Amino acid sequence: MTGSPKRDAYGADPSPGHRRRWRRLLAPLALASTVALTATACAGAGSFTDGGSEAVTIALVSNSQMTDAISLSPQFEKENPGIKLKFVTLSENEARAKITASVATGGGEFDVVMISNYETATWAENGWLVNLTPYMVSSPGYDQDDFIPTLREALSYEGNMYSAPFYGESSFLMYNKQMLADAGITMPAEPTWPEVQEAAKKLNTDGVSGICLRGKPGWGETLAPLDTVINAFGGRWFDEDWNAQLDSPQVKEAVQFYVDTVRQYGEPGAASTGFQECANLMSQGQVAMWYDATSAVSVLESPEDSNIAGNVGYSMAPSMAKGDNGWLYAWSLGIPESSKKKDDAWKFIEWMTSKDYIKTVAEQLGAASVPPGSRLSTYDLPQYKEISGAFAEPTLNAMQSADQTKPTVDPVPYTGIQFLAIPEFQDFGTRVSQQISAAIAGQITVDEALEQSQKYAEVVGESYKKEQ
């Protein structure tokens, strides 16, 4: 790649300039978030458990599976009488900002942090995370080789794992089998986007929307599914020399297709719809199809939460110029280098990401509560097999075919499928998502949205060109 920065096997840029870039970009965030964390702790916002000043402090995202882990944690403390736990649980956006600020500055507030494959490899290269592979190897029965290979690689740097996956996900198309049967539609196992759009058109009625697609602003909201559509249509954010490509014909076609589909055949109020809203609509039979995360099965297949449990079909992420477009994401646990309780922190991570923990969840909370998509052995559990017959194979296929090092048809200087693994993407991606959301709301045209997005991209691209 002419002029492209040298990268390791997992896409991290090993240059000192890349480390400085993270620190420079995060400096204002670090100050604001450190102050906010102190204020939050004083004000009681978020959720905190008090294990005392000597406790292992664990920062988690407040999703349901993480809440389950907290409810089961007294069992860990009973098995490890010398270790007390303190949990800080926050919404995804809050958690990401505060964890990033703390780890980047060596603040030492947390001993265990919940991060993803967006952060892991680069933070490891920056020296911010503890290498977990020696711990994994020396822990009897832990079996890191049981992790789904694509996740294991995505959470590694130079062949070592720096975070352990709690649950993982790709993306696929979910559909109401009865609605499609009533409409005389047979969904292919590997559909194209035009086939999906045509089905959405036929299924769209006054009472039921043909499809649900995220439109809520946020780099982890609208851009998650949209990026995979851009990849499918042959688009990319930058060429291999960091020239911005958001005004290319391929990107324009993909974004126009996405916006047209959700505006014409999608859910009402799509510009404010995210994962949870789509999950609610799909599970209550108010939309016929939904393209989103494989982890959605825990909602759709739960008899307690879903009116369509057992009546959901699954197909691979739709293709166009490119196939295998499912994204790759993991909520995982790592240890900041600043932690003074590294050994105890590992014992907790070992417990929460082990085969035994998954079995415990299945036995005590039910198979629908099992954190999915992290270990291959999960799909051999009798309890999980019983509920996962319809979605186990498509989930594993999607997870194992997702390659975040080759997300696009043409070469790119970044990694990541539904995100770009560069520090600027937290702000830059959110700004682009706001433009797309405005187009979905009908406030601006797709051309106008991409014209402004291209300007954002050019600023980021130029900064990388200067470092080459």
Protein backbone atom coordinates (compact mmCIF):
# COMPACT_ATOMS: atom_id res chain seq x y z
CA MET A 1 0.00 0.00 0.00
CA THR A 2 1.72 3.13 -1.20
CA GLY A 3 2.16 5.63 1.58
CA SER A 4 0.03 3.68 4.05
CA PRO A 5 1.13 3.43 7.69
CA LYS A 6 2.61 0.10 8.72
CA ARG A 7 0.25 -1.99 10.83
CA ASP A 8 0.52 -5.20 12.78
CA ALA A 9 -1.55 -8.33 12.17
CA TYR A 10 -4.49 -6.89 14.09
CA GLY A 11 -4.53 -3.50 12.44
CA ALA A 12 -2.89 -1.43 15.17
CA ASP A 13 -0.56 1.37 14.09
CA PRO A 14 2.63 0.89 16.11
CA SER A 15 4.02 4.36 15.51
CA PRO A 16 4.71 6.71 18.47
CA GLY A 17 2.63 9.27 16.56
CA HIS A 18 -0.41 7.04 16.91
CA ARG A 19 0.08 6.88 20.69
CA ARG A 20 0.44 10.65 20.86
CA ARG A 21 -2.71 10.98 18.76
CA TRP A 22 -4.76 9.02 21.30
CA ARG A 23 -3.38 11.05 24.20
CA ARG A 24 -3.87 14.38 22.45
CA LEU A 25 -7.44 13.59 21.44
CA LEU A 26 -8.34 12.20 24.86
CA ALA A 27 -6.80 14.95 26.99
CA PRO A 28 -9.94 17.15 27.11
CA LEU A 29 -12.14 14.07 27.52
CA ALA A 30 -9.96 12.81 30.35
CA LEU A 31 -10.28 16.01 32.37
CA ALA A 32 -14.03 16.32 31.81
CA SER A 33 -14.73 12.65 32.46
CA THR A 34 -12.58 12.46 35.60
CA VAL A 35 -14.50 15.41 37.03
CA ALA A 36 -17.77 13.83 35.88
CA LEU A 37 -16.87 10.49 37.45
CA THR A 38 -16.23 12.16 40.80
CA ALA A 39 -19.46 14.12 40.53
CA THR A 40 -21.37 11.01 39.51
CA ALA A 41 -20.06 9.07 42.49
CA CYS A 42 -21.06 11.88 44.83
CA ALA A 43 -24.46 12.41 43.26
CA GLY A 44 -25.34 8.73 43.14
CA ALA A 45 -26.04 8.66 39.39
CA GLY A 46 -25.47 5.37 37.68
CA SER A 47 -25.15 2.28 39.86
CA PHE A 48 -22.49 1.64 42.47
CA THR A 49 -21.98 -1.21 44.91
CA ASP A 50 -19.84 -0.65 47.97
CA GLY A 51 -17.18 -3.27 48.54
CA GLY A 52 -14.97 -0.96 50.61
CA SER A 53 -11.76 0.88 49.78
CA GLU A 54 -9.78 -2.35 49.38
CA ALA A 55 -12.25 -3.89 46.93
CA VAL A 56 -11.58 -4.75 43.31
CA THR A 57 -13.39 -1.98 41.42
CA ILE A 58 -15.10 -3.10 38.23
CA ALA A 59 -16.54 -0.75 35.60
CA LEU A 60 -19.35 -2.34 33.58
CA VAL A 61 -21.87 -1.30 30.97
CA SER A 62 -25.38 -1.54 32.43
CA ASN A 63 -26.75 -4.12 29.97
CA SER A 64 -28.89 -7.00 31.20
CA GLN A 65 -26.18 -9.67 31.01
CA MET A 66 -23.84 -7.47 33.07
CA THR A 67 -26.58 -6.93 35.65
CA ASP A 68 -26.91 -10.71 35.83
CA ALA A 69 -23.19 -10.98 36.59
CA ILE A 70 -23.55 -8.54 39.49
CA SER A 71 -26.47 -10.54 40.87
CA LEU A 72 -24.35 -13.71 40.77
CA SER A 73 -21.17 -12.08 42.13
CA PRO A 74 -21.81 -13.07 45.79
CA GLN A 75 -21.00 -16.59 44.63
CA PHE A 76 -17.58 -15.36 43.47
CA GLU A 77 -16.95 -13.62 46.80
CA LYS A 78 -17.95 -16.80 48.65
CA GLU A 79 -15.48 -18.84 46.57
CA ASN A 80 -12.79 -16.16 47.00
CA PRO A 81 -13.17 -15.00 50.62
CA GLY A 82 -10.19 -12.65 50.46
CA ILE A 83 -11.63 -10.60 47.60
CA LYS A 84 -14.38 -7.99 47.83
CA LEU A 85 -15.97 -6.47 44.72
CA LYS A 86 -17.19 -2.96 43.96
CA PHE A 87 -19.19 -2.39 40.78
CA VAL A 88 -19.64 0.84 38.84
CA THR A 89 -22.32 0.36 36.19
CA LEU A 90 -23.10 3.09 33.69
CA SER A 91 -24.88 3.48 30.37
CA GLU A 92 -22.83 2.58 27.31
CA ASN A 93 -21.92 6.16 26.35
CA GLU A 94 -21.08 7.13 29.94
CA ALA A 95 -19.09 3.98 30.56
CA ARG A 96 -17.08 4.34 27.36
CA ALA A 97 -16.15 7.96 28.12
CA LYS A 98 -15.22 7.40 31.75
CA ILE A 99 -13.32 4.16 31.17
CA THR A 100 -11.40 5.69 28.27
CA ALA A 101 -10.47 8.74 30.34
CA SER A 102 -9.35 6.70 33.32
CA VAL A 103 -7.30 4.15 31.39
CA ALA A 104 -5.69 6.68 29.03
CA THR A 105 -4.47 8.84 31.89
CA GLY A 106 -3.51 6.00 34.24
CA GLY A 107 -6.07 7.26 36.71
CA GLY A 108 -6.27 3.98 38.60
CA GLU A 109 -9.98 4.25 39.50
CA PHE A 110 -10.75 0.83 38.04
CA ASP A 111 -9.17 -2.61 38.38
CA VAL A 112 -11.36 -4.25 35.73
CA VAL A 113 -12.84 -2.39 32.76
CA MET A 114 -15.42 -3.37 30.19
CA ILE A 115 -14.16 -2.46 26.71
CA SER A 116 -14.55 -3.81 23.17
CA ASN A 117 -12.56 -4.76 20.10
CA TYR A 118 -12.67 -1.07 19.15
CA GLU A 119 -10.23 -0.27 21.96
CA THR A 120 -8.35 -3.45 22.87
CA ALA A 121 -5.54 -3.80 20.31
CA THR A 122 -4.64 -0.11 20.24
CA TRP A 123 -4.77 0.27 24.01
CA ALA A 124 -2.56 -2.80 24.31
CA GLU A 125 -0.06 -1.28 21.89
CA ASN A 126 -0.16 1.93 23.93
CA GLY A 127 0.78 -0.04 27.04
CA TRP A 128 -2.47 0.72 28.86
CA LEU A 129 -3.66 -2.89 29.37
CA VAL A 130 -2.25 -5.96 31.10
CA ASN A 131 -1.41 -8.93 28.87
CA LEU A 132 -3.96 -11.57 29.90
CA THR A 133 -2.50 -14.52 28.00
CA PRO A 134 -0.12 -15.58 30.82
CA TYR A 135 -3.05 -15.54 33.23
CA MET A 136 -5.20 -17.55 30.82
CA VAL A 137 -2.52 -20.16 30.23
CA SER A 138 -1.90 -20.64 33.94
CA SER A 139 -5.61 -20.93 34.86
CA PRO A 140 -6.64 -24.64 34.79
CA GLY A 141 -9.65 -25.31 32.60
CA TYR A 142 -9.98 -21.71 31.38
CA ASP A 143 -9.33 -22.73 27.75
CA GLN A 144 -8.80 -19.53 25.75
CA ASP A 145 -8.86 -21.64 22.58
CA ASP A 146 -12.58 -22.13 23.20
CA PHE A 147 -13.24 -18.47 22.38
CA ILE A 148 -14.65 -17.94 18.87
CA PRO A 149 -11.49 -17.47 16.75
CA THR A 150 -12.44 -14.14 15.16
CA LEU A 151 -13.12 -12.67 18.61
CA ARG A 152 -9.91 -14.08 20.01
CA GLU A 153 -7.97 -12.40 17.23
CA ALA A 154 -9.89 -9.12 17.51
CA LEU A 155 -9.03 -8.89 21.21
CA SER A 156 -5.34 -9.62 20.68
CA TYR A 157 -2.18 -7.65 20.02
CA GLU A 158 1.01 -9.32 18.78
CA GLY A 159 -0.48 -12.74 19.44
CA ASN A 160 -1.56 -12.11 23.04
CA MET A 161 -5.04 -11.42 24.38
CA TYR A 162 -5.45 -8.17 26.29
CA SER A 163 -9.15 -8.52 27.07
CA ALA A 164 -11.41 -11.53 27.55
CA PRO A 165 -14.79 -11.64 25.80
CA PHE A 166 -17.89 -11.69 27.99
CA TYR A 167 -20.22 -11.80 25.03
CA GLY A 168 -19.81 -11.26 21.32
CA GLU A 169 -22.00 -10.51 18.38
CA SER A 170 -22.13 -10.22 14.63
CA SER A 171 -25.17 -9.08 12.64
CA PHE A 172 -27.82 -10.84 10.58
CA LEU A 173 -31.31 -10.39 9.19
CA MET A 174 -34.16 -11.47 11.48
CA TYR A 175 -37.70 -11.91 10.20
CA ASN A 176 -41.16 -12.94 11.33
CA LYS A 177 -41.63 -16.31 9.63
CA GLN A 178 -45.41 -16.23 9.81
CA MET A 179 -45.63 -12.77 8.23
CA LEU A 180 -43.35 -13.77 5.37
CA ALA A 181 -45.27 -17.02 4.84
CA ASP A 182 -48.59 -15.13 4.76
CA ALA A 183 -47.12 -12.78 2.14
CA GLY A 184 -45.76 -15.68 0.06
CA ILE A 185 -42.15 -14.60 0.60
CA THR A 186 -39.25 -17.03 0.98
CA MET A 187 -36.18 -15.33 2.40
CA PRO A 188 -32.88 -16.73 1.05
CA ALA A 189 -30.26 -17.85 3.55
CA GLU A 190 -27.88 -15.32 1.95
CA PRO A 191 -30.07 -12.49 0.62
CA THR A 192 -29.03 -9.39 -1.27
CA TRP A 193 -30.08 -5.94 -0.13
CA PRO A 194 -32.48 -5.44 -3.09
CA GLU A 195 -34.18 -8.73 -2.16
CA VAL A 196 -34.59 -7.48 1.40
CA GLN A 197 -35.95 -4.14 0.22
CA GLU A 198 -38.46 -5.84 -2.09
CA ALA A 199 -39.64 -8.02 0.80
CA ALA A 200 -39.95 -4.95 3.05
CA LYS A 201 -42.09 -3.26 0.41
CA LYS A 202 -44.48 -6.22 0.24
CA LEU A 203 -44.66 -6.58 4.02
CA ASN A 204 -45.21 -2.91 4.78
CA THR A 205 -48.83 -2.17 5.78
CA ASP A 206 -50.69 0.37 7.85
CA GLY A 207 -50.29 -1.79 10.95
CA VAL A 208 -46.86 -3.38 10.39
CA SER A 209 -43.62 -1.86 9.12
CA GLY A 210 -41.70 -3.88 6.56
CA ILE A 211 -38.33 -3.52 8.29
CA CYS A 212 -36.64 -1.88 11.27
CA LEU A 213 -33.29 -0.18 10.71
CA ARG A 214 -31.54 2.04 13.23
CA GLY A 215 -31.71 5.78 12.60
CA LYS A 216 -30.69 7.16 15.99
CA PRO A 217 -27.53 9.30 15.95
CA GLY A 218 -24.38 7.71 17.37
CA TRP A 219 -21.37 5.90 15.97
CA GLY A 220 -22.57 2.78 17.79
CA GLU A 221 -26.19 3.28 16.72
CA THR A 222 -27.02 4.21 13.10
CA LEU A 223 -23.50 3.70 11.83
CA ALA A 224 -23.32 0.10 13.05
CA PRO A 225 -25.76 -1.32 10.48
CA LEU A 226 -25.13 1.41 7.91
CA ASP A 227 -21.38 0.76 7.78
CA THR A 228 -22.03 -2.85 6.84
CA VAL A 229 -24.33 -1.64 4.03
CA ILE A 230 -21.60 0.72 2.80
CA ASN A 231 -19.14 -2.19 2.86
CA ALA A 232 -21.61 -4.40 0.99
CA PHE A 233 -22.07 -1.82 -1.78
CA GLY A 234 -18.30 -1.57 -2.27
CA GLY A 235 -17.85 1.68 -0.37
CA ARG A 236 -15.20 2.72 2.15
CA TRP A 237 -14.50 5.71 4.39
CA PHE A 238 -10.93 6.28 3.16
CA ASP A 239 -8.76 4.89 0.40
CA GLU A 240 -5.42 3.37 1.35
CA ASP A 241 -3.74 6.80 1.27
CA TRP A 242 -6.28 8.36 3.67
CA ASN A 243 -8.20 10.22 0.98
CA ALA A 244 -11.80 10.63 2.20
CA GLN A 245 -14.34 8.60 0.19
CA LEU A 246 -17.71 9.51 1.71
CA ASP A 247 -18.78 11.28 -1.48
CA SER A 248 -17.88 8.31 -3.71
CA PRO A 249 -20.60 6.75 -5.92
CA GLN A 250 -20.54 3.53 -3.88
CA VAL A 251 -21.07 5.30 -0.55
CA LYS A 252 -23.77 7.54 -2.01
CA GLU A 253 -25.63 4.56 -3.45
CA ALA A 254 -25.42 2.66 -0.15
CA VAL A 255 -26.57 5.54 2.05
CA GLN A 256 -29.36 6.53 -0.36
CA PHE A 257 -30.53 2.90 -0.37
CA TYR A 258 -30.53 2.72 3.43
CA VAL A 259 -32.34 6.05 3.86
CA ASP A 260 -34.92 5.25 1.16
CA THR A 261 -35.60 1.81 2.60
CA VAL A 262 -36.21 2.98 6.16
CA ARG A 263 -38.18 6.08 5.09
CA GLN A 264 -40.46 4.15 2.73
CA TYR A 265 -40.83 0.78 4.44
CA GLY A 266 -39.35 1.24 7.91
CA GLU A 267 -40.60 2.00 11.39
CA PRO A 268 -42.25 5.33 12.28
CA GLY A 269 -39.85 7.81 13.89
CA ALA A 270 -36.85 5.99 12.50
CA ALA A 271 -34.52 8.94 13.14
CA SER A 272 -34.82 8.30 16.88
CA THR A 273 -34.86 4.49 16.72
CA GLY A 274 -31.93 2.43 18.03
CA PHE A 275 -31.30 -1.17 18.99
CA GLN A 276 -33.68 -1.28 21.94
CA GLU A 277 -36.54 0.37 20.07
CA CYS A 278 -36.21 -2.06 17.16
CA ALA A 279 -36.05 -4.97 19.60
CA ASN A 280 -39.31 -3.86 21.18
CA LEU A 281 -41.06 -3.37 17.83
CA MET A 282 -39.90 -6.71 16.44
CA SER A 283 -40.69 -8.71 19.56
CA GLN A 284 -44.20 -7.23 19.69
CA GLY A 285 -44.94 -8.06 16.04
CA GLN A 286 -44.98 -4.45 14.86
CA VAL A 287 -42.25 -4.92 12.24
CA ALA A 288 -41.75 -7.86 9.89
CA MET A 289 -37.94 -7.80 9.58
CA TRP A 290 -34.98 -6.37 11.43
CA TYR A 291 -31.30 -6.20 10.46
CA ASP A 292 -29.14 -5.92 13.55
CA ALA A 293 -26.97 -7.68 16.13
CA THR A 294 -27.02 -11.45 16.62
CA SER A 295 -27.31 -10.80 20.37
CA ALA A 296 -30.92 -9.69 19.72
CA VAL A 297 -31.94 -13.34 19.94
CA SER A 298 -31.91 -13.08 23.72
CA VAL A 299 -34.90 -10.73 23.40
CA LEU A 300 -36.69 -12.19 20.39
CA GLU A 301 -36.52 -15.80 21.59
CA SER A 302 -37.49 -15.10 25.18
CA PRO A 303 -41.08 -16.29 25.84
CA GLU A 304 -41.31 -13.78 28.68
CA ASP A 305 -40.32 -10.78 26.52
CA SER A 306 -41.38 -11.65 22.99
CA ASN A 307 -44.66 -12.37 21.26
CA ILE A 308 -42.83 -14.05 18.37
CA ALA A 309 -40.50 -16.41 20.24
CA GLY A 310 -40.05 -19.55 18.16
CA ASN A 311 -41.36 -17.81 15.04
CA VAL A 312 -38.20 -15.97 13.98
CA GLY A 313 -36.14 -16.78 10.91
CA TYR A 314 -32.50 -15.79 10.43
CA SER A 315 -30.44 -15.04 7.32
CA MET A 316 -26.87 -13.85 6.82
CA ALA A 317 -26.12 -10.12 6.59
CA PRO A 318 -27.30 -9.06 3.11
CA SER A 319 -24.70 -8.82 0.36
CA MET A 320 -24.05 -6.79 -2.77
CA ALA A 321 -20.59 -6.28 -4.28
CA LYS A 322 -19.23 -7.82 -1.08
CA GLY A 323 -20.47 -10.78 0.95
CA ASP A 324 -19.80 -11.73 4.58
CA ASN A 325 -20.90 -8.31 5.80
CA GLY A 326 -21.82 -9.19 9.36
CA TRP A 327 -20.11 -6.95 11.88
CA LEU A 328 -17.90 -8.08 14.76
CA TYR A 329 -18.21 -6.75 18.29
CA ALA A 330 -17.42 -7.96 21.78
CA TRP A 331 -17.96 -6.60 25.24
CA SER A 332 -14.87 -7.81 27.00
CA LEU A 333 -12.99 -7.37 30.28
CA GLY A 334 -9.46 -6.03 30.64
CA ILE A 335 -7.14 -4.92 33.42
CA PRO A 336 -5.63 -1.41 33.26
CA GLU A 337 -1.88 -1.30 33.87
CA SER A 338 -2.64 1.27 36.58
CA SER A 339 -4.49 -1.31 38.70
CA LYS A 340 -2.79 -2.22 41.98
CA LYS A 341 -4.86 -5.40 42.31
CA LYS A 342 -4.03 -7.17 39.06
CA ASP A 343 -4.08 -10.75 40.38
CA ASP A 344 -7.42 -10.32 42.12
CA ALA A 345 -8.77 -8.51 39.07
CA TRP A 346 -7.82 -11.51 36.93
CA LYS A 347 -9.59 -13.90 39.27
CA PHE A 348 -12.81 -11.96 38.73
CA ILE A 349 -12.33 -11.87 34.93
CA GLU A 350 -11.58 -15.58 34.95
CA TRP A 351 -14.85 -16.21 36.81
CA MET A 352 -17.04 -13.94 34.63
CA THR A 353 -15.69 -15.20 31.28
CA SER A 354 -15.36 -18.90 32.10
CA LYS A 355 -17.25 -21.94 30.86
CA ASP A 356 -18.49 -22.51 34.41
CA TYR A 357 -20.02 -19.04 34.59
CA ILE A 358 -22.01 -19.70 31.40
CA LYS A 359 -23.25 -23.00 32.86
CA THR A 360 -24.21 -21.22 36.09
CA VAL A 361 -26.26 -18.63 34.20
CA ALA A 362 -28.03 -21.34 32.21
CA GLU A 363 -28.87 -23.31 35.36
CA GLN A 364 -29.82 -20.43 37.67
CA LEU A 365 -31.16 -17.71 35.37
CA GLY A 366 -32.22 -19.70 32.32
CA ALA A 367 -30.65 -20.38 28.94
CA ALA A 368 -32.09 -17.18 27.44
CA SER A 369 -29.88 -15.18 29.85
CA VAL A 370 -26.64 -16.85 28.75
CA PRO A 371 -24.15 -14.29 27.37
CA PRO A 372 -23.94 -15.35 23.69
CA GLY A 373 -21.24 -15.39 21.07
CA SER A 374 -18.08 -15.71 23.14
CA ARG A 375 -17.30 -19.43 23.53
CA LEU A 376 -17.80 -22.28 21.09
CA SER A 377 -18.73 -24.58 23.97
CA THR A 378 -21.78 -22.44 24.78
CA TYR A 379 -23.49 -23.90 21.74
CA ASP A 380 -22.99 -27.44 23.08
CA LEU A 381 -24.79 -26.80 26.38
CA PRO A 382 -28.00 -28.88 26.45
CA GLN A 383 -30.03 -25.98 27.90
CA TYR A 384 -28.75 -23.57 25.25
CA LYS A 385 -29.20 -26.07 22.43
CA GLU A 386 -32.85 -26.36 23.39
CA ILE A 387 -33.56 -22.68 22.70
CA SER A 388 -30.93 -21.94 20.05
CA GLY A 389 -31.86 -24.39 17.30
CA ALA A 390 -33.06 -21.66 14.95
CA PHE A 391 -30.24 -19.19 15.51
CA ALA A 392 -27.14 -21.06 16.71
CA GLU A 393 -25.81 -21.94 13.26
CA PRO A 394 -26.45 -18.53 11.63
CA THR A 395 -24.93 -16.81 14.68
CA LEU A 396 -21.76 -18.89 14.58
CA ASN A 397 -21.51 -18.56 10.80
CA ALA A 398 -21.78 -14.78 11.07
CA MET A 399 -19.26 -14.60 13.92
CA GLN A 400 -16.70 -16.83 12.23
CA SER A 401 -16.91 -15.19 8.81
CA ALA A 402 -16.55 -11.60 10.08
CA ASP A 403 -13.03 -10.34 9.38
CA GLN A 404 -12.36 -6.87 10.78
CA THR A 405 -8.98 -6.73 9.04
CA LYS A 406 -10.65 -6.93 5.60
CA PRO A 407 -13.92 -5.00 5.94
CA THR A 408 -14.17 -3.65 2.40
CA VAL A 409 -13.87 -4.65 -1.26
CA ASP A 410 -10.93 -2.29 -1.88
CA PRO A 411 -7.97 -1.88 0.50
CA VAL A 412 -8.24 0.53 3.42
CA PRO A 413 -5.73 1.79 6.02
CA TYR A 414 -8.01 1.04 8.96
CA THR A 415 -9.60 -2.01 10.58
CA GLY A 416 -13.13 -2.50 11.85
CA ILE A 417 -16.37 -3.48 10.13
CA GLN A 418 -19.07 -1.35 11.76
CA PHE A 419 -16.51 1.16 13.05
CA LEU A 420 -13.06 2.49 12.18
CA ALA A 421 -10.49 1.52 14.81
CA ILE A 422 -9.01 5.01 15.04
CA PRO A 423 -9.34 7.31 18.08
CA GLU A 424 -11.08 10.05 16.11
CA PHE A 425 -14.03 7.82 15.30
CA GLN A 426 -15.79 8.38 18.62
CA ASP A 427 -16.35 12.04 17.70
CA PHE A 428 -16.02 11.92 13.91
CA GLY A 429 -18.33 8.93 13.52
CA THR A 430 -20.95 10.52 15.76
CA ARG A 431 -20.88 13.69 13.67
CA VAL A 432 -21.40 11.68 10.48
CA SER A 433 -24.22 9.72 12.11
CA GLN A 434 -25.98 12.98 12.97
CA GLN A 435 -25.95 13.91 9.29
CA ILE A 436 -27.38 10.53 8.28
CA SER A 437 -30.04 10.72 10.97
CA ALA A 438 -31.06 14.15 9.70
CA ALA A 439 -31.44 12.66 6.21
CA ILE A 440 -33.59 9.85 7.61
CA ALA A 441 -35.74 12.48 9.33
CA GLY A 442 -36.14 14.29 5.99
CA GLN A 443 -34.41 17.44 7.25
CA ILE A 444 -31.66 17.29 4.63
CA THR A 445 -30.94 15.22 1.52
CA VAL A 446 -28.49 12.33 1.41
CA ASP A 447 -26.23 14.40 -0.86
CA GLU A 448 -26.20 17.21 1.69
CA ALA A 449 -25.50 14.77 4.52
CA LEU A 450 -22.59 13.21 2.68
CA GLU A 451 -21.21 16.56 1.54
CA GLN A 452 -20.82 17.61 5.17
CA SER A 453 -19.62 14.15 6.21
CA GLN A 454 -16.94 14.28 3.51
CA LYS A 455 -15.63 17.50 5.04
CA TYR A 456 -15.34 15.84 8.44
CA ALA A 457 -13.55 12.90 6.83
CA GLU A 458 -11.12 15.12 4.95
CA VAL A 459 -9.96 16.77 8.17
CA VAL A 460 -9.26 13.37 9.75
CA GLY A 461 -7.63 12.03 6.58
CA GLU A 462 -5.31 15.02 6.26
CA SER A 463 -4.07 14.54 9.83
CA TYR A 464 -3.08 10.95 8.99
CA LYS A 465 -1.38 11.98 5.76
CA LYS A 466 0.89 14.31 7.75
CA GLU A 467 2.09 11.37 9.85
CA GLN A 468 3.00 9.18 6.88
